[in-house]
């Protein structure tokens, strides 16, 4: 059986479980369950702390897992590697310090930097040949400067509101743009390709919709330019020889603009259908 590590709590847990369910797997019904067998699909799930998943997978104890790119890099497990981005739980890591104190990465040389991701930050600073005194903390690092244990912090930045409330501002380059990823261990286990293919199908279904519309034959080239699809639209004849029916995949976030453009062009009976799953 393919042994899959799944986050048991936090921002990754709910969406990861939803994706696996949409991919056809049977997950846990009770949030207290830490181990679930899915014999019909030849997998077993282990629900673990997100921060530990890279360690279990990298050591070979489990075959694959869903975790954050930040947590993968912070773990520094040589055997664990990212094989697919899962397009959720996005975050950006930046340095921050009291307003006006630092402006460039080199200003951190010899300073104290507090972070909940010492492995990630240390590796980033090593690549830029910057030596600092890292202060590992478990959350709420924005208080570290005010309390005198650090000169700057390295943390997740979303709107920046929390940092501003603490009197901090971001500076220097982006440390990392993170999101949920599928990771694998030292060897490729049987069933990994099937899992990967299924998750990719879920990603396609979440990112695209099917658009059907009727169109005068003379406008086909212009319509295809507006909605080229992933490979090519399906074009079928209608009873009226001057008209055709078109079916095409369109990015979900662009579908309303595409409908407006198609209608302005001359398309009619424009219908949008959600995709439950896909294989491309």
C-alpha atoms as a PDB file:
ATOM      1  CA  UNK A   1       0.000   0.000   0.000  1.00  0.00           C
ATOM      2  CA  UNK A   2       1.062   3.582  -0.674  1.00  0.00           C
ATOM      3  CA  UNK A   3       1.647   5.322   2.675  1.00  0.00           C
ATOM      4  CA  UNK A   4       0.534   8.962   2.553  1.00  0.00           C
ATOM      5  CA  UNK A   5       1.212  11.622   5.187  1.00  0.00           C
ATOM      6  CA  UNK A   6      -1.593  14.184   5.539  1.00  0.00           C
ATOM      7  CA  UNK A   7      -1.635  17.309   7.757  1.00  0.00           C
ATOM      8  CA  UNK A   8      -3.825  16.684  10.795  1.00  0.00           C
ATOM      9  CA  UNK A   9      -4.451  20.354  11.642  1.00  0.00           C
ATOM     10  CA  UNK A  10      -3.672  23.910  10.628  1.00  0.00           C
ATOM     11  CA  UNK A  11      -4.204  25.787   7.373  1.00  0.00           C
ATOM     12  CA  UNK A  12      -3.111  22.829   5.239  1.00  0.00           C
ATOM     13  CA  UNK A  13      -5.326  20.153   6.756  1.00  0.00           C
ATOM     14  CA  UNK A  14      -8.828  20.900   5.483  1.00  0.00           C
ATOM     15  CA  UNK A  15      -7.955  21.632   1.857  1.00  0.00           C
ATOM     16  CA  UNK A  16      -5.543  18.691   1.663  1.00  0.00           C
ATOM     17  CA  UNK A  17      -8.276  16.325   2.860  1.00  0.00           C
ATOM     18  CA  UNK A  18     -10.773  17.857   0.423  1.00  0.00           C
ATOM     19  CA  UNK A  19      -8.380  17.371  -2.498  1.00  0.00           C
ATOM     20  CA  UNK A  20      -7.805  13.727  -1.615  1.00  0.00           C
ATOM     21  CA  UNK A  21     -11.554  13.146  -1.340  1.00  0.00           C
ATOM     22  CA  UNK A  22     -12.118  14.819  -4.731  1.00  0.00           C
ATOM     23  CA  UNK A  23      -9.385  12.557  -6.104  1.00  0.00           C
ATOM     24  CA  UNK A  24     -11.462   9.519  -5.100  1.00  0.00           C
ATOM     25  CA  UNK A  25      -9.787   8.507  -1.841  1.00  0.00           C
ATOM     26  CA  UNK A  26     -11.556   7.681   1.419  1.00  0.00           C
ATOM     27  CA  UNK A  27     -10.168   9.739   4.280  1.00  0.00           C
ATOM     28  CA  UNK A  28     -10.957   9.959   7.950  1.00  0.00           C
ATOM     29  CA  UNK A  29     -14.461  10.579   9.238  1.00  0.00           C
ATOM     30  CA  UNK A  30     -13.398  11.343  12.792  1.00  0.00           C
ATOM     31  CA  UNK A  31     -10.880  14.212  13.173  1.00  0.00           C
ATOM     32  CA  UNK A  32      -9.282  12.258  16.011  1.00  0.00           C
ATOM     33  CA  UNK A  33      -8.281   9.386  13.703  1.00  0.00           C
ATOM     34  CA  UNK A  34      -4.545   9.336  13.016  1.00  0.00           C
ATOM     35  CA  UNK A  35      -4.448   6.325  10.694  1.00  0.00           C
ATOM     36  CA  UNK A  36      -6.966   5.361   7.998  1.00  0.00           C
ATOM     37  CA  UNK A  37      -6.881   2.453   5.532  1.00  0.00           C
ATOM     38  CA  UNK A  38      -8.346   2.808   2.034  1.00  0.00           C
ATOM     39  CA  UNK A  39      -7.960  -0.721   0.637  1.00  0.00           C
ATOM     40  CA  UNK A  40     -10.050  -0.036  -2.482  1.00  0.00           C
ATOM     41  CA  UNK A  41      -7.450   2.482  -3.633  1.00  0.00           C
ATOM     42  CA  UNK A  42      -4.420   0.706  -2.192  1.00  0.00           C
ATOM     43  CA  UNK A  43      -3.405   3.509   0.192  1.00  0.00           C
ATOM     44  CA  UNK A  44      -3.204   4.225   3.887  1.00  0.00           C
ATOM     45  CA  UNK A  45      -3.242   7.697   5.403  1.00  0.00           C
ATOM     46  CA  UNK A  46      -1.243   8.895   8.391  1.00  0.00           C
ATOM     47  CA  UNK A  47      -2.440  12.183   9.878  1.00  0.00           C
ATOM     48  CA  UNK A  48       0.546  14.041  11.297  1.00  0.00           C
ATOM     49  CA  UNK A  49       1.705  17.485  12.400  1.00  0.00           C
ATOM     50  CA  UNK A  50       2.480  19.413   9.197  1.00  0.00           C
ATOM     51  CA  UNK A  51       5.940  20.277  10.518  1.00  0.00           C
ATOM     52  CA  UNK A  52       6.834  16.580  10.916  1.00  0.00           C
ATOM     53  CA  UNK A  53       5.698  15.324   7.497  1.00  0.00           C
ATOM     54  CA  UNK A  54       8.939  16.093   5.653  1.00  0.00           C
ATOM     55  CA  UNK A  55      10.879  14.168   8.311  1.00  0.00           C
ATOM     56  CA  UNK A  56       8.715  11.044   8.017  1.00  0.00           C
ATOM     57  CA  UNK A  57       8.739  11.105   4.216  1.00  0.00           C
ATOM     58  CA  UNK A  58      12.407  12.031   3.892  1.00  0.00           C
ATOM     59  CA  UNK A  59      13.444   9.188   6.183  1.00  0.00           C
ATOM     60  CA  UNK A  60      11.464   6.665   4.105  1.00  0.00           C
ATOM     61  CA  UNK A  61       9.072   5.843   6.947  1.00  0.00           C
ATOM     62  CA  UNK A  62       6.239   7.079   4.681  1.00  0.00           C
ATOM     63  CA  UNK A  63       6.146   7.224   0.896  1.00  0.00           C
ATOM     64  CA  UNK A  64       4.592  10.601   0.047  1.00  0.00           C
ATOM     65  CA  UNK A  65       3.020  13.503   1.882  1.00  0.00           C
ATOM     66  CA  UNK A  66       1.295  16.853   1.614  1.00  0.00           C
ATOM     67  CA  UNK A  67       2.994  19.726   3.414  1.00  0.00           C
ATOM     68  CA  UNK A  68       4.115  23.315   2.866  1.00  0.00           C
ATOM     69  CA  UNK A  69       7.145  24.154   0.763  1.00  0.00           C
ATOM     70  CA  UNK A  70       8.340  26.234   3.720  1.00  0.00           C
ATOM     71  CA  UNK A  71       8.093  23.258   6.070  1.00  0.00           C
ATOM     72  CA  UNK A  72       9.859  21.001   3.561  1.00  0.00           C
ATOM     73  CA  UNK A  73      12.811  23.370   3.207  1.00  0.00           C
ATOM     74  CA  UNK A  74      12.921  24.117   6.916  1.00  0.00           C
ATOM     75  CA  UNK A  75      13.206  20.401   7.746  1.00  0.00           C
ATOM     76  CA  UNK A  76      16.386  20.075   5.653  1.00  0.00           C
ATOM     77  CA  UNK A  77      15.736  16.383   5.016  1.00  0.00           C
ATOM     78  CA  UNK A  78      17.952  15.306   2.093  1.00  0.00           C
ATOM     79  CA  UNK A  79      15.634  12.419   1.204  1.00  0.00           C
ATOM     80  CA  UNK A  80      12.483  14.555   0.866  1.00  0.00           C
ATOM     81  CA  UNK A  81      11.754  16.383  -2.405  1.00  0.00           C
ATOM     82  CA  UNK A  82       8.869  18.314  -3.921  1.00  0.00           C
ATOM     83  CA  UNK A  83       7.172  16.681  -6.908  1.00  0.00           C
ATOM     84  CA  UNK A  84       4.064  18.825  -7.424  1.00  0.00           C
ATOM     85  CA  UNK A  85       2.670  22.200  -6.428  1.00  0.00           C
ATOM     86  CA  UNK A  86      -0.907  21.915  -5.139  1.00  0.00           C
ATOM     87  CA  UNK A  87      -1.912  25.581  -5.549  1.00  0.00           C
ATOM     88  CA  UNK A  88      -3.297  26.337  -2.089  1.00  0.00           C
ATOM     89  CA  UNK A  89      -2.089  27.739   1.248  1.00  0.00           C
ATOM     90  CA  UNK A  90       0.108  30.344  -0.437  1.00  0.00           C
ATOM     91  CA  UNK A  91       2.365  32.502   1.729  1.00  0.00           C
ATOM     92  CA  UNK A  92       5.361  34.820   1.401  1.00  0.00           C
ATOM     93  CA  UNK A  93       8.337  34.974   3.781  1.00  0.00           C
ATOM     94  CA  UNK A  94      10.123  38.284   4.359  1.00  0.00           C
ATOM     95  CA  UNK A  95      12.502  39.958   6.787  1.00  0.00           C
ATOM     96  CA  UNK A  96      11.111  42.748   8.967  1.00  0.00           C
ATOM     97  CA  UNK A  97      12.568  45.179  11.487  1.00  0.00           C
ATOM     98  CA  UNK A  98      11.634  48.411  13.280  1.00  0.00           C
ATOM     99  CA  UNK A  99      10.800  51.145  10.783  1.00  0.00           C
ATOM    100  CA  UNK A 100      13.896  52.826   9.380  1.00  0.00           C
ATOM    101  CA  UNK A 101      16.497  50.519  10.963  1.00  0.00           C
ATOM    102  CA  UNK A 102      17.377  48.216   8.041  1.00  0.00           C
ATOM    103  CA  UNK A 103      17.009  48.607   4.291  1.00  0.00           C
ATOM    104  CA  UNK A 104      19.167  45.883   2.722  1.00  0.00           C
ATOM    105  CA  UNK A 105      19.861  42.231   3.430  1.00  0.00           C
ATOM    106  CA  UNK A 106      23.517  43.006   4.175  1.00  0.00           C
ATOM    107  CA  UNK A 107      22.386  45.186   7.109  1.00  0.00           C
ATOM    108  CA  UNK A 108      21.605  41.963   8.988  1.00  0.00           C
ATOM    109  CA  UNK A 109      25.264  40.927   9.200  1.00  0.00           C
ATOM    110  CA  UNK A 110      26.034  40.050  12.829  1.00  0.00           C
ATOM    111  CA  UNK A 111      22.510  40.844  14.020  1.00  0.00           C
ATOM    112  CA  UNK A 112      19.964  38.696  15.870  1.00  0.00           C
ATOM    113  CA  UNK A 113      17.106  37.379  13.709  1.00  0.00           C
ATOM    114  CA  UNK A 114      14.091  35.666  15.277  1.00  0.00           C
ATOM    115  CA  UNK A 115      12.135  33.103  13.250  1.00  0.00           C
ATOM    116  CA  UNK A 116       9.961  30.019  13.512  1.00  0.00           C
ATOM    117  CA  UNK A 117      11.770  28.583  10.467  1.00  0.00           C
ATOM    118  CA  UNK A 118      15.471  28.497  11.403  1.00  0.00           C
ATOM    119  CA  UNK A 119      16.412  25.881   8.794  1.00  0.00           C
ATOM    120  CA  UNK A 120      14.753  27.807   5.969  1.00  0.00           C
ATOM    121  CA  UNK A 121      16.173  31.192   6.992  1.00  0.00           C
ATOM    122  CA  UNK A 122      19.650  29.842   7.716  1.00  0.00           C
ATOM    123  CA  UNK A 123      19.848  28.238   4.266  1.00  0.00           C
ATOM    124  CA  UNK A 124      18.704  31.488   2.616  1.00  0.00           C
ATOM    125  CA  UNK A 125      21.283  33.571   4.481  1.00  0.00           C
ATOM    126  CA  UNK A 126      24.026  31.037   3.714  1.00  0.00           C
ATOM    127  CA  UNK A 127      23.304  31.425  -0.009  1.00  0.00           C
ATOM    128  CA  UNK A 128      23.793  35.179   0.383  1.00  0.00           C
ATOM    129  CA  UNK A 129      26.867  34.846   2.648  1.00  0.00           C
ATOM    130  CA  UNK A 130      25.204  36.706   5.524  1.00  0.00           C
ATOM    131  CA  UNK A 131      26.103  35.582   9.065  1.00  0.00           C
ATOM    132  CA  UNK A 132      23.531  36.242  11.780  1.00  0.00           C
ATOM    133  CA  UNK A 133      22.600  34.957  15.226  1.00  0.00           C
ATOM    134  CA  UNK A 134      19.345  33.031  14.668  1.00  0.00           C
ATOM    135  CA  UNK A 135      16.809  33.060  17.500  1.00  0.00           C
ATOM    136  CA  UNK A 136      14.407  30.101  17.027  1.00  0.00           C
ATOM    137  CA  UNK A 137      10.879  30.763  18.288  1.00  0.00           C
ATOM    138  CA  UNK A 138       7.633  28.848  18.014  1.00  0.00           C
ATOM    139  CA  UNK A 139       5.221  31.457  16.638  1.00  0.00           C
ATOM    140  CA  UNK A 140       4.475  35.149  17.364  1.00  0.00           C
ATOM    141  CA  UNK A 141       7.961  36.223  16.301  1.00  0.00           C
ATOM    142  CA  UNK A 142       6.828  39.828  15.720  1.00  0.00           C
ATOM    143  CA  UNK A 143       7.101  40.406  19.492  1.00  0.00           C
ATOM    144  CA  UNK A 144      10.761  39.380  19.568  1.00  0.00           C
ATOM    145  CA  UNK A 145      12.144  42.833  18.718  1.00  0.00           C
ATOM    146  CA  UNK A 146       9.927  44.673  21.197  1.00  0.00           C
ATOM    147  CA  UNK A 147      10.926  42.227  23.939  1.00  0.00           C
ATOM    148  CA  UNK A 148      14.616  42.672  23.154  1.00  0.00           C
ATOM    149  CA  UNK A 149      15.558  39.166  22.060  1.00  0.00           C
ATOM    150  CA  UNK A 150      16.119  40.032  18.366  1.00  0.00           C
ATOM    151  CA  UNK A 151      17.002  42.925  16.072  1.00  0.00           C
ATOM    152  CA  UNK A 152      14.853  41.675  13.190  1.00  0.00           C
ATOM    153  CA  UNK A 153      12.454  38.864  12.351  1.00  0.00           C
ATOM    154  CA  UNK A 154      11.846  36.531   9.420  1.00  0.00           C
ATOM    155  CA  UNK A 155       8.248  35.445   9.094  1.00  0.00           C
ATOM    156  CA  UNK A 156       5.204  34.949   6.892  1.00  0.00           C
ATOM    157  CA  UNK A 157       3.860  38.227   5.527  1.00  0.00           C
ATOM    158  CA  UNK A 158       0.283  38.423   4.250  1.00  0.00           C
ATOM    159  CA  UNK A 159      -1.208  41.903   4.498  1.00  0.00           C
ATOM    160  CA  UNK A 160       1.573  43.215   6.742  1.00  0.00           C
ATOM    161  CA  UNK A 161      -0.962  44.447   9.309  1.00  0.00           C
ATOM    162  CA  UNK A 162       0.449  42.367  12.174  1.00  0.00           C
ATOM    163  CA  UNK A 163       3.970  43.593  11.490  1.00  0.00           C
ATOM    164  CA  UNK A 164       2.878  47.232  11.331  1.00  0.00           C
ATOM    165  CA  UNK A 165       1.039  46.862  14.609  1.00  0.00           C
ATOM    166  CA  UNK A 166       4.318  45.693  16.120  1.00  0.00           C
ATOM    167  CA  UNK A 167       6.153  48.710  14.646  1.00  0.00           C
ATOM    168  CA  UNK A 168       7.942  46.640  11.988  1.00  0.00           C
ATOM    169  CA  UNK A 169       8.382  47.022   8.220  1.00  0.00           C
ATOM    170  CA  UNK A 170       9.553  44.524   5.619  1.00  0.00           C
ATOM    171  CA  UNK A 171      12.873  44.974   3.858  1.00  0.00           C
ATOM    172  CA  UNK A 172      15.248  43.068   1.633  1.00  0.00           C
ATOM    173  CA  UNK A 173      14.413  40.307  -0.850  1.00  0.00           C
ATOM    174  CA  UNK A 174      11.642  37.736  -0.590  1.00  0.00           C
ATOM    175  CA  UNK A 175      12.928  34.722   1.332  1.00  0.00           C
ATOM    176  CA  UNK A 176      10.411  32.277  -0.136  1.00  0.00           C
ATOM    177  CA  UNK A 177       7.027  32.055  -1.818  1.00  0.00           C
ATOM    178  CA  UNK A 178       5.466  28.976  -0.304  1.00  0.00           C
ATOM    179  CA  UNK A 179       2.364  26.876  -0.927  1.00  0.00           C
ATOM    180  CA  UNK A 180       1.148  23.334  -0.337  1.00  0.00           C
ATOM    181  CA  UNK A 181       3.178  20.715  -2.190  1.00  0.00           C
ATOM    182  CA  UNK A 182       3.220  16.972  -2.690  1.00  0.00           C
ATOM    183  CA  UNK A 183       6.534  15.498  -1.582  1.00  0.00           C
ATOM    184  CA  UNK A 184       8.115  12.094  -1.994  1.00  0.00           C
ATOM    185  CA  UNK A 185      10.912  10.236  -0.261  1.00  0.00           C
ATOM    186  CA  UNK A 186      14.202   8.662  -1.332  1.00  0.00           C
ATOM    187  CA  UNK A 187      12.512   6.124  -3.631  1.00  0.00           C
ATOM    188  CA  UNK A 188       9.458   6.245  -5.884  1.00  0.00           C
ATOM    189  CA  UNK A 189       6.846   3.952  -4.342  1.00  0.00           C
ATOM    190  CA  UNK A 190       4.206   2.073  -6.323  1.00  0.00           C
ATOM    191  CA  UNK A 191       1.037   4.126  -6.531  1.00  0.00           C
ATOM    192  CA  UNK A 192       2.768   7.514  -6.483  1.00  0.00           C
ATOM    193  CA  UNK A 193       2.072   8.147 -10.179  1.00  0.00           C
ATOM    194  CA  UNK A 194      -1.608   7.302  -9.720  1.00  0.00           C
ATOM    195  CA  UNK A 195      -1.879   9.690  -6.771  1.00  0.00           C
ATOM    196  CA  UNK A 196      -0.081  12.412  -8.717  1.00  0.00           C
ATOM    197  CA  UNK A 197      -2.307  11.943 -11.769  1.00  0.00           C
ATOM    198  CA  UNK A 198      -5.447  12.110  -9.632  1.00  0.00           C
ATOM    199  CA  UNK A 199      -4.349  15.249  -7.806  1.00  0.00           C
ATOM    200  CA  UNK A 200      -3.490  16.909 -11.098  1.00  0.00           C
ATOM    201  CA  UNK A 201      -7.002  16.064 -12.255  1.00  0.00           C
ATOM    202  CA  UNK A 202      -8.415  17.833  -9.203  1.00  0.00           C
ATOM    203  CA  UNK A 203      -6.227  20.874  -9.878  1.00  0.00           C
ATOM    204  CA  UNK A 204      -7.481  21.064 -13.462  1.00  0.00           C
ATOM    205  CA  UNK A 205     -11.088  20.770 -12.278  1.00  0.00           C
ATOM    206  CA  UNK A 206     -10.559  23.609  -9.795  1.00  0.00           C
ATOM    207  CA  UNK A 207      -8.825  25.884 -12.271  1.00  0.00           C
ATOM    208  CA  UNK A 208     -10.918  25.337 -15.425  1.00  0.00           C
ATOM    209  CA  UNK A 209     -14.543  25.165 -16.555  1.00  0.00           C
ATOM    210  CA  UNK A 210     -16.168  23.927 -19.758  1.00  0.00           C
ATOM    211  CA  UNK A 211     -17.682  26.587 -22.000  1.00  0.00           C
ATOM    212  CA  UNK A 212     -20.164  25.677 -24.743  1.00  0.00           C
ATOM    213  CA  UNK A 213     -21.422  28.178 -27.290  1.00  0.00           C
ATOM    214  CA  UNK A 214     -22.974  28.430 -30.731  1.00  0.00           C
ATOM    215  CA  UNK A 215     -21.241  30.506 -33.367  1.00  0.00           C
ATOM    216  CA  UNK A 216     -21.499  31.511 -37.034  1.00  0.00           C
ATOM    217  CA  UNK A 217     -19.020  29.499 -39.101  1.00  0.00           C
ATOM    218  CA  UNK A 218     -17.411  32.668 -40.407  1.00  0.00           C
ATOM    219  CA  UNK A 219     -16.306  33.623 -36.872  1.00  0.00           C
ATOM    220  CA  UNK A 220     -14.536  30.371 -35.909  1.00  0.00           C
ATOM    221  CA  UNK A 221     -10.995  31.712 -36.209  1.00  0.00           C
ATOM    222  CA  UNK A 222     -11.799  34.800 -34.143  1.00  0.00           C
ATOM    223  CA  UNK A 223     -13.551  32.711 -31.462  1.00  0.00           C
ATOM    224  CA  UNK A 224     -10.681  30.233 -31.246  1.00  0.00           C
ATOM    225  CA  UNK A 225      -8.305  33.151 -30.732  1.00  0.00           C
ATOM    226  CA  UNK A 226     -10.423  34.193 -27.735  1.00  0.00           C
ATOM    227  CA  UNK A 227     -10.815  30.672 -26.318  1.00  0.00           C
ATOM    228  CA  UNK A 228      -7.979  28.459 -27.591  1.00  0.00           C
ATOM    229  CA  UNK A 229      -8.459  25.844 -24.859  1.00  0.00           C
ATOM    230  CA  UNK A 230      -5.692  23.620 -23.527  1.00  0.00           C
ATOM    231  CA  UNK A 231      -5.155  21.696 -26.768  1.00  0.00           C
ATOM    232  CA  UNK A 232      -7.873  22.755 -29.190  1.00  0.00           C
ATOM    233  CA  UNK A 233     -11.626  23.455 -29.003  1.00  0.00           C
ATOM    234  CA  UNK A 234     -14.132  20.824 -30.103  1.00  0.00           C
ATOM    235  CA  UNK A 235     -16.155  22.190 -33.025  1.00  0.00           C
ATOM    236  CA  UNK A 236     -19.324  20.363 -34.145  1.00  0.00           C
ATOM    237  CA  UNK A 237     -21.750  21.146 -36.986  1.00  0.00           C
ATOM    238  CA  UNK A 238     -25.308  22.271 -36.234  1.00  0.00           C
ATOM    239  CA  UNK A 239     -28.438  21.678 -38.296  1.00  0.00           C
ATOM    240  CA  UNK A 240     -28.032  25.172 -39.693  1.00  0.00           C
ATOM    241  CA  UNK A 241     -24.943  24.820 -41.948  1.00  0.00           C
ATOM    242  CA  UNK A 242     -23.940  28.423 -41.215  1.00  0.00           C
ATOM    243  CA  UNK A 243     -23.518  27.711 -37.485  1.00  0.00           C
ATOM    244  CA  UNK A 244     -21.297  25.454 -35.333  1.00  0.00           C
ATOM    245  CA  UNK A 245     -21.232  24.398 -31.674  1.00  0.00           C
ATOM    246  CA  UNK A 246     -17.979  24.932 -29.786  1.00  0.00           C
ATOM    247  CA  UNK A 247     -16.834  23.267 -26.544  1.00  0.00           C
ATOM    248  CA  UNK A 248     -13.645  24.448 -24.868  1.00  0.00           C
ATOM    249  CA  UNK A 249     -11.899  24.564 -21.485  1.00  0.00           C
ATOM    250  CA  UNK A 250     -11.405  28.072 -20.091  1.00  0.00           C
ATOM    251  CA  UNK A 251      -9.576  29.195 -16.956  1.00  0.00           C
ATOM    252  CA  UNK A 252     -12.194  29.701 -14.244  1.00  0.00           C
ATOM    253  CA  UNK A 253     -10.861  33.133 -13.273  1.00  0.00           C
ATOM    254  CA  UNK A 254     -11.145  34.346 -16.893  1.00  0.00           C
ATOM    255  CA  UNK A 255     -14.498  32.828 -17.807  1.00  0.00           C
ATOM    256  CA  UNK A 256     -16.693  35.906 -17.356  1.00  0.00           C
ATOM    257  CA  UNK A 257     -14.438  38.037 -19.530  1.00  0.00           C
ATOM    258  CA  UNK A 258     -14.370  35.235 -22.118  1.00  0.00           C
ATOM    259  CA  UNK A 259     -18.178  35.092 -22.137  1.00  0.00           C
ATOM    260  CA  UNK A 260     -18.406  38.865 -22.618  1.00  0.00           C
ATOM    261  CA  UNK A 261     -15.890  38.750 -25.475  1.00  0.00           C
ATOM    262  CA  UNK A 262     -17.625  35.812 -27.167  1.00  0.00           C
ATOM    263  CA  UNK A 263     -21.035  37.462 -26.962  1.00  0.00           C
ATOM    264  CA  UNK A 264     -19.646  40.679 -28.408  1.00  0.00           C
ATOM    265  CA  UNK A 265     -18.113  38.651 -31.226  1.00  0.00           C
ATOM    266  CA  UNK A 266     -21.446  37.039 -32.108  1.00  0.00           C
ATOM    267  CA  UNK A 267     -21.539  33.798 -30.123  1.00  0.00           C
ATOM    268  CA  UNK A 268     -24.863  32.802 -28.559  1.00  0.00           C
ATOM    269  CA  UNK A 269     -26.192  30.159 -26.134  1.00  0.00           C
ATOM    270  CA  UNK A 270     -23.013  30.487 -24.052  1.00  0.00           C
ATOM    271  CA  UNK A 271     -23.087  27.945 -21.222  1.00  0.00           C
ATOM    272  CA  UNK A 272     -20.580  27.257 -18.456  1.00  0.00           C
ATOM    273  CA  UNK A 273     -20.249  23.852 -16.765  1.00  0.00           C
ATOM    274  CA  UNK A 274     -18.096  22.968 -13.768  1.00  0.00           C
ATOM    275  CA  UNK A 275     -15.572  20.128 -14.101  1.00  0.00           C
ATOM    276  CA  UNK A 276     -15.610  17.531 -11.329  1.00  0.00           C
ATOM    277  CA  UNK A 277     -12.348  15.886 -12.330  1.00  0.00           C
ATOM    278  CA  UNK A 278     -10.106  15.504 -15.354  1.00  0.00           C
ATOM    279  CA  UNK A 279      -7.226  13.625 -16.935  1.00  0.00           C
ATOM    280  CA  UNK A 280      -5.178  15.561 -19.470  1.00  0.00           C
END
